[in-house]
Amino acid sequence: MRELEDIKAMIIAWKESYYKIAVEENGGEAMCEELYLDIQEFALPYLSSLRKWGRISEQEYMDFMFFCQEQVEDLRKMIREAILNLGG
């Protein structure tokens, strides 16, 4: 579904932005929390509406939730690796 792909692209863009901020400002875990909160506040209500209106299946909803969780964990991993590479 095109809408899901668009939301995924948006979340990936957020993740990349938060990664840059974390590296530039040593934001670390706070940036992971910000990504999580943005997903909760902006993406999930829309996704829930799609599910409620029957535009996506329960499986698509669950798969998307897993994708979101993966993105937060991936950001955490990226930040940890950057800190290690910077000698911190």
PDB file of N, CA and C in Angstrom:
ATOM      1  N   MET A   1       0.848  -1.175   0.000  1.00  0.00           N
ATOM      2  CA  MET A   1       0.000   0.000   0.000  1.00  0.00           C
ATOM      3  C   MET A   1       0.900   1.247   0.000  1.00  0.00           C
ATOM      4  N   ARG A   2       0.604   2.145  -0.878  1.00  0.00           N
ATOM      5  CA  ARG A   2       1.414   3.348  -1.055  1.00  0.00           C
ATOM      6  C   ARG A   2       1.494   4.187   0.228  1.00  0.00           C
ATOM      7  N   GLU A   3       0.396   4.299   0.932  1.00  0.00           N
ATOM      8  CA  GLU A   3       0.381   5.108   2.155  1.00  0.00           C
ATOM      9  C   GLU A   3       1.347   4.555   3.206  1.00  0.00           C
ATOM     10  N   LEU A   4       1.384   3.237   3.341  1.00  0.00           N
ATOM     11  CA  LEU A   4       2.312   2.639   4.300  1.00  0.00           C
ATOM     12  C   LEU A   4       3.756   2.895   3.899  1.00  0.00           C
ATOM     13  N   GLU A   5       4.036   2.794   2.619  1.00  0.00           N
ATOM     14  CA  GLU A   5       5.397   3.049   2.144  1.00  0.00           C
ATOM     15  C   GLU A   5       5.796   4.501   2.394  1.00  0.00           C
ATOM     16  N   ASP A   6       4.860   5.412   2.199  1.00  0.00           N
ATOM     17  CA  ASP A   6       5.137   6.830   2.461  1.00  0.00           C
ATOM     18  C   ASP A   6       5.426   7.073   3.939  1.00  0.00           C
ATOM     19  N   ILE A   7       4.663   6.444   4.819  1.00  0.00           N
ATOM     20  CA  ILE A   7       4.888   6.604   6.257  1.00  0.00           C
ATOM     21  C   ILE A   7       6.234   5.989   6.648  1.00  0.00           C
ATOM     22  N   LYS A   8       6.547   4.845   6.074  1.00  0.00           N
ATOM     23  CA  LYS A   8       7.845   4.224   6.351  1.00  0.00           C
ATOM     24  C   LYS A   8       8.982   5.150   5.927  1.00  0.00           C
ATOM     25  N   ALA A   9       8.861   5.743   4.766  1.00  0.00           N
ATOM     26  CA  ALA A   9       9.897   6.667   4.285  1.00  0.00           C
ATOM     27  C   ALA A   9      10.028   7.857   5.226  1.00  0.00           C
ATOM     28  N   MET A  10       8.916   8.348   5.739  1.00  0.00           N
ATOM     29  CA  MET A  10       8.932   9.465   6.667  1.00  0.00           C
ATOM     30  C   MET A  10       9.659   9.077   7.958  1.00  0.00           C
ATOM     31  N   ILE A  11       9.384   7.898   8.480  1.00  0.00           N
ATOM     32  CA  ILE A  11      10.018   7.438   9.716  1.00  0.00           C
ATOM     33  C   ILE A  11      11.516   7.238   9.508  1.00  0.00           C
ATOM     34  N   ILE A  12      11.906   6.712   8.366  1.00  0.00           N
ATOM     35  CA  ILE A  12      13.329   6.547   8.065  1.00  0.00           C
ATOM     36  C   ILE A  12      14.009   7.914   7.980  1.00  0.00           C
ATOM     37  N   ALA A  13      13.332   8.891   7.402  1.00  0.00           N
ATOM     38  CA  ALA A  13      13.890  10.248   7.332  1.00  0.00           C
ATOM     39  C   ALA A  13      14.039  10.831   8.734  1.00  0.00           C
ATOM     40  N   TRP A  14      13.060  10.606   9.597  1.00  0.00           N
ATOM     41  CA  TRP A  14      13.175  11.062  10.983  1.00  0.00           C
ATOM     42  C   TRP A  14      14.391  10.420  11.643  1.00  0.00           C
ATOM     43  N   LYS A  15      14.525   9.113  11.456  1.00  0.00           N
ATOM     44  CA  LYS A  15      15.639   8.385  12.064  1.00  0.00           C
ATOM     45  C   LYS A  15      16.972   8.983  11.622  1.00  0.00           C
ATOM     46  N   GLU A  16      17.109   9.257  10.340  1.00  0.00           N
ATOM     47  CA  GLU A  16      18.348   9.836   9.826  1.00  0.00           C
ATOM     48  C   GLU A  16      18.591  11.225  10.406  1.00  0.00           C
ATOM     49  N   SER A  17      17.549  12.012  10.552  1.00  0.00           N
ATOM     50  CA  SER A  17      17.688  13.342  11.143  1.00  0.00           C
ATOM     51  C   SER A  17      18.118  13.256  12.600  1.00  0.00           C
ATOM     52  N   TYR A  18      17.490  12.372  13.350  1.00  0.00           N
ATOM     53  CA  TYR A  18      17.853  12.215  14.755  1.00  0.00           C
ATOM     54  C   TYR A  18      19.274  11.672  14.907  1.00  0.00           C
ATOM     55  N   TYR A  19      19.685  10.835  13.987  1.00  0.00           N
ATOM     56  CA  TYR A  19      21.060  10.330  14.021  1.00  0.00           C
ATOM     57  C   TYR A  19      22.047  11.490  13.853  1.00  0.00           C
ATOM     58  N   LYS A  20      21.795  12.349  12.890  1.00  0.00           N
ATOM     59  CA  LYS A  20      22.681  13.499  12.675  1.00  0.00           C
ATOM     60  C   LYS A  20      22.743  14.381  13.911  1.00  0.00           C
ATOM     61  N   ILE A  21      21.594  14.627  14.519  1.00  0.00           N
ATOM     62  CA  ILE A  21      21.562  15.446  15.737  1.00  0.00           C
ATOM     63  C   ILE A  21      22.348  14.759  16.854  1.00  0.00           C
ATOM     64  N   ALA A  22      22.149  13.465  17.014  1.00  0.00           N
ATOM     65  CA  ALA A  22      22.831  12.725  18.076  1.00  0.00           C
ATOM     66  C   ALA A  22      24.340  12.802  17.905  1.00  0.00           C
ATOM     67  N   VAL A  23      24.816  12.669  16.676  1.00  0.00           N
ATOM     68  CA  VAL A  23      26.255  12.715  16.426  1.00  0.00           C
ATOM     69  C   VAL A  23      26.788  14.130  16.640  1.00  0.00           C
ATOM     70  N   GLU A  24      26.078  15.122  16.144  1.00  0.00           N
ATOM     71  CA  GLU A  24      26.532  16.512  16.259  1.00  0.00           C
ATOM     72  C   GLU A  24      26.484  17.034  17.696  1.00  0.00           C
ATOM     73  N   GLU A  25      25.458  16.633  18.431  1.00  0.00           N
ATOM     74  CA  GLU A  25      25.240  17.204  19.757  1.00  0.00           C
ATOM     75  C   GLU A  25      25.385  16.185  20.887  1.00  0.00           C
ATOM     76  N   ASN A  26      25.868  14.996  20.536  1.00  0.00           N
ATOM     77  CA  ASN A  26      26.032  13.939  21.535  1.00  0.00           C
ATOM     78  C   ASN A  26      24.713  13.659  22.249  1.00  0.00           C
ATOM     79  N   GLY A  27      23.645  13.524  21.451  1.00  0.00           N
ATOM     80  CA  GLY A  27      22.301  13.351  21.990  1.00  0.00           C
ATOM     81  C   GLY A  27      21.989  11.967  22.494  1.00  0.00           C
ATOM     82  N   GLY A  28      22.638  10.973  21.939  1.00  0.00           N
ATOM     83  CA  GLY A  28      22.505   9.597  22.400  1.00  0.00           C
ATOM     84  C   GLY A  28      21.089   9.105  22.562  1.00  0.00           C
ATOM     85  N   GLU A  29      20.830   8.562  23.735  1.00  0.00           N
ATOM     86  CA  GLU A  29      19.553   7.910  24.031  1.00  0.00           C
ATOM     87  C   GLU A  29      18.364   8.857  23.904  1.00  0.00           C
ATOM     88  N   ALA A  30      18.588  10.138  24.147  1.00  0.00           N
ATOM     89  CA  ALA A  30      17.492  11.113  24.040  1.00  0.00           C
ATOM     90  C   ALA A  30      16.927  11.142  22.629  1.00  0.00           C
ATOM     91  N   MET A  31      17.760  10.962  21.629  1.00  0.00           N
ATOM     92  CA  MET A  31      17.282  10.982  20.251  1.00  0.00           C
ATOM     93  C   MET A  31      16.462   9.733  19.934  1.00  0.00           C
ATOM     94  N   CYS A  32      16.806   8.623  20.549  1.00  0.00           N
ATOM     95  CA  CYS A  32      16.007   7.403  20.378  1.00  0.00           C
ATOM     96  C   CYS A  32      14.620   7.606  20.974  1.00  0.00           C
ATOM     97  N   GLU A  33      14.581   8.240  22.118  1.00  0.00           N
ATOM     98  CA  GLU A  33      13.307   8.535  22.765  1.00  0.00           C
ATOM     99  C   GLU A  33      12.474   9.498  21.921  1.00  0.00           C
ATOM    100  N   GLU A  34      13.125  10.496  21.337  1.00  0.00           N
ATOM    101  CA  GLU A  34      12.414  11.450  20.474  1.00  0.00           C
ATOM    102  C   GLU A  34      11.803  10.752  19.258  1.00  0.00           C
ATOM    103  N   LEU A  35      12.565   9.846  18.650  1.00  0.00           N
ATOM    104  CA  LEU A  35      12.025   9.106  17.503  1.00  0.00           C
ATOM    105  C   LEU A  35      10.823   8.287  17.933  1.00  0.00           C
ATOM    106  N   TYR A  36      10.947   7.599  19.046  1.00  0.00           N
ATOM    107  CA  TYR A  36       9.843   6.796  19.557  1.00  0.00           C
ATOM    108  C   TYR A  36       8.593   7.653  19.797  1.00  0.00           C
ATOM    109  N   LEU A  37       8.804   8.813  20.420  1.00  0.00           N
ATOM    110  CA  LEU A  37       7.675   9.696  20.718  1.00  0.00           C
ATOM    111  C   LEU A  37       7.039  10.252  19.449  1.00  0.00           C
ATOM    112  N   ASP A  38       7.854  10.593  18.459  1.00  0.00           N
ATOM    113  CA  ASP A  38       7.297  11.084  17.196  1.00  0.00           C
ATOM    114  C   ASP A  38       6.470  10.010  16.503  1.00  0.00           C
ATOM    115  N   ILE A  39       6.948   8.790  16.535  1.00  0.00           N
ATOM    116  CA  ILE A  39       6.187   7.683  15.944  1.00  0.00           C
ATOM    117  C   ILE A  39       4.857   7.539  16.675  1.00  0.00           C
ATOM    118  N   GLN A  40       4.905   7.561  18.004  1.00  0.00           N
ATOM    119  CA  GLN A  40       3.692   7.424  18.806  1.00  0.00           C
ATOM    120  C   GLN A  40       2.698   8.558  18.536  1.00  0.00           C
ATOM    121  N   GLU A  41       3.207   9.764  18.418  1.00  0.00           N
ATOM    122  CA  GLU A  41       2.341  10.931  18.293  1.00  0.00           C
ATOM    123  C   GLU A  41       1.801  11.152  16.885  1.00  0.00           C
ATOM    124  N   PHE A  42       2.629  10.903  15.877  1.00  0.00           N
ATOM    125  CA  PHE A  42       2.243  11.282  14.520  1.00  0.00           C
ATOM    126  C   PHE A  42       1.904  10.102  13.608  1.00  0.00           C
ATOM    127  N   ALA A  43       2.682   9.038  13.650  1.00  0.00           N
ATOM    128  CA  ALA A  43       2.471   7.942  12.701  1.00  0.00           C
ATOM    129  C   ALA A  43       1.403   6.951  13.174  1.00  0.00           C
ATOM    130  N   LEU A  44       1.457   6.561  14.429  1.00  0.00           N
ATOM    131  CA  LEU A  44       0.552   5.512  14.893  1.00  0.00           C
ATOM    132  C   LEU A  44      -0.923   5.899  14.888  1.00  0.00           C
ATOM    133  N   PRO A  45      -1.293   7.139  15.208  1.00  0.00           N
ATOM    134  CA  PRO A  45      -2.720   7.472  15.086  1.00  0.00           C
ATOM    135  C   PRO A  45      -3.244   7.319  13.648  1.00  0.00           C
ATOM    136  N   TYR A  46      -2.426   7.705  12.691  1.00  0.00           N
ATOM    137  CA  TYR A  46      -2.830   7.551  11.290  1.00  0.00           C
ATOM    138  C   TYR A  46      -2.938   6.076  10.930  1.00  0.00           C
ATOM    139  N   LEU A  47      -1.971   5.304  11.369  1.00  0.00           N
ATOM    140  CA  LEU A  47      -1.987   3.868  11.109  1.00  0.00           C
ATOM    141  C   LEU A  47      -3.209   3.209  11.749  1.00  0.00           C
ATOM    142  N   SER A  48      -3.525   3.631  12.964  1.00  0.00           N
ATOM    143  CA  SER A  48      -4.707   3.095  13.642  1.00  0.00           C
ATOM    144  C   SER A  48      -5.985   3.427  12.881  1.00  0.00           C
ATOM    145  N   SER A  49      -6.028   4.621  12.312  1.00  0.00           N
ATOM    146  CA  SER A  49      -7.192   4.999  11.503  1.00  0.00           C
ATOM    147  C   SER A  49      -7.295   4.134  10.253  1.00  0.00           C
ATOM    148  N   LEU A  50      -6.175   3.867   9.617  1.00  0.00           N
ATOM    149  CA  LEU A  50      -6.192   2.991   8.445  1.00  0.00           C
ATOM    150  C   LEU A  50      -6.726   1.616   8.810  1.00  0.00           C
ATOM    151  N   ARG A  51      -6.318   1.110   9.971  1.00  0.00           N
ATOM    152  CA  ARG A  51      -6.784  -0.198  10.435  1.00  0.00           C
ATOM    153  C   ARG A  51      -8.282  -0.139  10.733  1.00  0.00           C
ATOM    154  N   LYS A  52      -8.710   0.898  11.408  1.00  0.00           N
ATOM    155  CA  LYS A  52     -10.121   1.054  11.780  1.00  0.00           C
ATOM    156  C   LYS A  52     -11.015   1.118  10.542  1.00  0.00           C
ATOM    157  N   TRP A  53     -10.566   1.801   9.519  1.00  0.00           N
ATOM    158  CA  TRP A  53     -11.347   1.953   8.292  1.00  0.00           C
ATOM    159  C   TRP A  53     -11.228   0.757   7.353  1.00  0.00           C
ATOM    160  N   GLY A  54     -10.457  -0.240   7.755  1.00  0.00           N
ATOM    161  CA  GLY A  54     -10.312  -1.436   6.929  1.00  0.00           C
ATOM    162  C   GLY A  54      -9.383  -1.254   5.733  1.00  0.00           C
ATOM    163  N   ARG A  55      -8.573  -0.210   5.753  1.00  0.00           N
ATOM    164  CA  ARG A  55      -7.650   0.048   4.636  1.00  0.00           C
ATOM    165  C   ARG A  55      -6.407  -0.845   4.707  1.00  0.00           C
ATOM    166  N   ILE A  56      -6.094  -1.308   5.932  1.00  0.00           N
ATOM    167  CA  ILE A  56      -5.003  -2.262   6.116  1.00  0.00           C
ATOM    168  C   ILE A  56      -5.489  -3.384   7.019  1.00  0.00           C
ATOM    169  N   SER A  57      -4.849  -4.533   6.892  1.00  0.00           N
ATOM    170  CA  SER A  57      -5.225  -5.693   7.696  1.00  0.00           C
ATOM    171  C   SER A  57      -4.548  -5.636   9.059  1.00  0.00           C
ATOM    172  N   GLU A  58      -4.999  -6.495   9.928  1.00  0.00           N
ATOM    173  CA  GLU A  58      -4.368  -6.608  11.250  1.00  0.00           C
ATOM    174  C   GLU A  58      -2.897  -7.001  11.101  1.00  0.00           C
ATOM    175  N   GLN A  59      -2.607  -7.887  10.154  1.00  0.00           N
ATOM    176  CA  GLN A  59      -1.220  -8.306   9.928  1.00  0.00           C
ATOM    177  C   GLN A  59      -0.361  -7.141   9.434  1.00  0.00           C
ATOM    178  N   GLU A  60      -0.902  -6.335   8.527  1.00  0.00           N
ATOM    179  CA  GLU A  60      -0.162  -5.159   8.057  1.00  0.00           C
ATOM    180  C   GLU A  60       0.094  -4.182   9.196  1.00  0.00           C
ATOM    181  N   TYR A  61      -0.892  -4.037  10.060  1.00  0.00           N
ATOM    182  CA  TYR A  61      -0.749  -3.173  11.226  1.00  0.00           C
ATOM    183  C   TYR A  61       0.374  -3.691  12.124  1.00  0.00           C
ATOM    184  N   MET A  62       0.351  -4.983  12.424  1.00  0.00           N
ATOM    185  CA  MET A  62       1.372  -5.578  13.287  1.00  0.00           C
ATOM    186  C   MET A  62       2.755  -5.498  12.637  1.00  0.00           C
ATOM    187  N   ASP A  63       2.831  -5.746  11.345  1.00  0.00           N
ATOM    188  CA  ASP A  63       4.105  -5.646  10.631  1.00  0.00           C
ATOM    189  C   ASP A  63       4.656  -4.228  10.705  1.00  0.00           C
ATOM    190  N   PHE A  64       3.773  -3.255  10.593  1.00  0.00           N
ATOM    191  CA  PHE A  64       4.214  -1.867  10.656  1.00  0.00           C
ATOM    192  C   PHE A  64       4.697  -1.518  12.058  1.00  0.00           C
ATOM    193  N   MET A  65       4.009  -2.003  13.063  1.00  0.00           N
ATOM    194  CA  MET A  65       4.442  -1.767  14.441  1.00  0.00           C
ATOM    195  C   MET A  65       5.839  -2.350  14.657  1.00  0.00           C
ATOM    196  N   PHE A  66       6.072  -3.530  14.121  1.00  0.00           N
ATOM    197  CA  PHE A  66       7.394  -4.154  14.226  1.00  0.00           C
ATOM    198  C   PHE A  66       8.432  -3.306  13.498  1.00  0.00           C
ATOM    199  N   PHE A  67       8.091  -2.801  12.320  1.00  0.00           N
ATOM    200  CA  PHE A  67       8.987  -1.921  11.569  1.00  0.00           C
ATOM    201  C   PHE A  67       9.375  -0.705  12.405  1.00  0.00           C
ATOM    202  N   CYS A  68       8.411  -0.099  13.068  1.00  0.00           N
ATOM    203  CA  CYS A  68       8.684   1.081  13.895  1.00  0.00           C
ATOM    204  C   CYS A  68       9.645   0.736  15.020  1.00  0.00           C
ATOM    205  N   GLN A  69       9.403  -0.374  15.664  1.00  0.00           N
ATOM    206  CA  GLN A  69      10.284  -0.812  16.742  1.00  0.00           C
ATOM    207  C   GLN A  69      11.704  -1.037  16.211  1.00  0.00           C
ATOM    208  N   GLU A  70      11.806  -1.638  15.044  1.00  0.00           N
ATOM    209  CA  GLU A  70      13.118  -1.861  14.425  1.00  0.00           C
ATOM    210  C   GLU A  70      13.848  -0.547  14.155  1.00  0.00           C
ATOM    211  N   GLN A  71      13.123   0.472  13.735  1.00  0.00           N
ATOM    212  CA  GLN A  71      13.752   1.747  13.415  1.00  0.00           C
ATOM    213  C   GLN A  71      14.337   2.403  14.661  1.00  0.00           C
ATOM    214  N   VAL A  72      13.630   2.328  15.773  1.00  0.00           N
ATOM    215  CA  VAL A  72      14.143   2.892  17.027  1.00  0.00           C
ATOM    216  C   VAL A  72      15.390   2.123  17.463  1.00  0.00           C
ATOM    217  N   GLU A  73      15.339   0.803  17.379  1.00  0.00           N
ATOM    218  CA  GLU A  73      16.499  -0.008  17.759  1.00  0.00           C
ATOM    219  C   GLU A  73      17.670   0.219  16.809  1.00  0.00           C
ATOM    220  N   ASP A  74      17.381   0.400  15.528  1.00  0.00           N
ATOM    221  CA  ASP A  74      18.435   0.672  14.562  1.00  0.00           C
ATOM    222  C   ASP A  74      19.107   2.008  14.855  1.00  0.00           C
ATOM    223  N   LEU A  75      18.319   3.012  15.206  1.00  0.00           N
ATOM    224  CA  LEU A  75      18.891   4.306  15.571  1.00  0.00           C
ATOM    225  C   LEU A  75      19.803   4.153  16.787  1.00  0.00           C
ATOM    226  N   ARG A  76      19.360   3.407  17.773  1.00  0.00           N
ATOM    227  CA  ARG A  76      20.160   3.174  18.981  1.00  0.00           C
ATOM    228  C   ARG A  76      21.502   2.537  18.598  1.00  0.00           C
ATOM    229  N   LYS A  77      21.455   1.555  17.737  1.00  0.00           N
ATOM    230  CA  LYS A  77      22.670   0.863  17.280  1.00  0.00           C
ATOM    231  C   LYS A  77      23.579   1.821  16.512  1.00  0.00           C
ATOM    232  N   MET A  78      23.010   2.614  15.609  1.00  0.00           N
ATOM    233  CA  MET A  78      23.796   3.568  14.825  1.00  0.00           C
ATOM    234  C   MET A  78      24.510   4.573  15.729  1.00  0.00           C
ATOM    235  N   ILE A  79      23.808   5.059  16.748  1.00  0.00           N
ATOM    236  CA  ILE A  79      24.390   6.033  17.672  1.00  0.00           C
ATOM    237  C   ILE A  79      25.517   5.391  18.481  1.00  0.00           C
ATOM    238  N   ARG A  80      25.285   4.186  18.965  1.00  0.00           N
ATOM    239  CA  ARG A  80      26.336   3.486  19.729  1.00  0.00           C
ATOM    240  C   ARG A  80      27.583   3.292  18.882  1.00  0.00           C
ATOM    241  N   GLU A  81      27.407   2.893  17.639  1.00  0.00           N
ATOM    242  CA  GLU A  81      28.550   2.689  16.756  1.00  0.00           C
ATOM    243  C   GLU A  81      29.281   3.999  16.492  1.00  0.00           C
ATOM    244  N   ALA A  82      28.535   5.073  16.314  1.00  0.00           N
ATOM    245  CA  ALA A  82      29.158   6.380  16.082  1.00  0.00           C
ATOM    246  C   ALA A  82      29.968   6.814  17.290  1.00  0.00           C
ATOM    247  N   ILE A  83      29.428   6.585  18.479  1.00  0.00           N
ATOM    248  CA  ILE A  83      30.137   6.958  19.710  1.00  0.00           C
ATOM    249  C   ILE A  83      31.422   6.138  19.836  1.00  0.00           C
ATOM    250  N   LEU A  84      31.353   4.853  19.547  1.00  0.00           N
ATOM    251  CA  LEU A  84      32.543   4.003  19.604  1.00  0.00           C
ATOM    252  C   LEU A  84      33.591   4.473  18.597  1.00  0.00           C
ATOM    253  N   ASN A  85      33.152   4.822  17.408  1.00  0.00           N
ATOM    254  CA  ASN A  85      34.078   5.279  16.372  1.00  0.00           C
ATOM    255  C   ASN A  85      34.722   6.626  16.705  1.00  0.00           C
ATOM    256  N   LEU A  86      34.021   7.420  17.513  1.00  0.00           N
ATOM    257  CA  LEU A  86      34.563   8.715  17.911  1.00  0.00           C
ATOM    258  C   LEU A  86      35.451   8.578  19.155  1.00  0.00           C
ATOM    259  N   GLY A  87      35.539   7.350  19.647  1.00  0.00           N
ATOM    260  CA  GLY A  87      36.381   7.126  20.815  1.00  0.00           C
ATOM    261  C   GLY A  87      35.710   7.415  22.128  1.00  0.00           C
ATOM    262  N   GLY A  88      34.368   7.473  22.112  1.00  0.00           N
ATOM    263  CA  GLY A  88      33.644   7.805  23.345  1.00  0.00           C
ATOM    264  C   GLY A  88      33.121   6.599  23.947  1.00  0.00           C
TER     265      GLY A  88
END
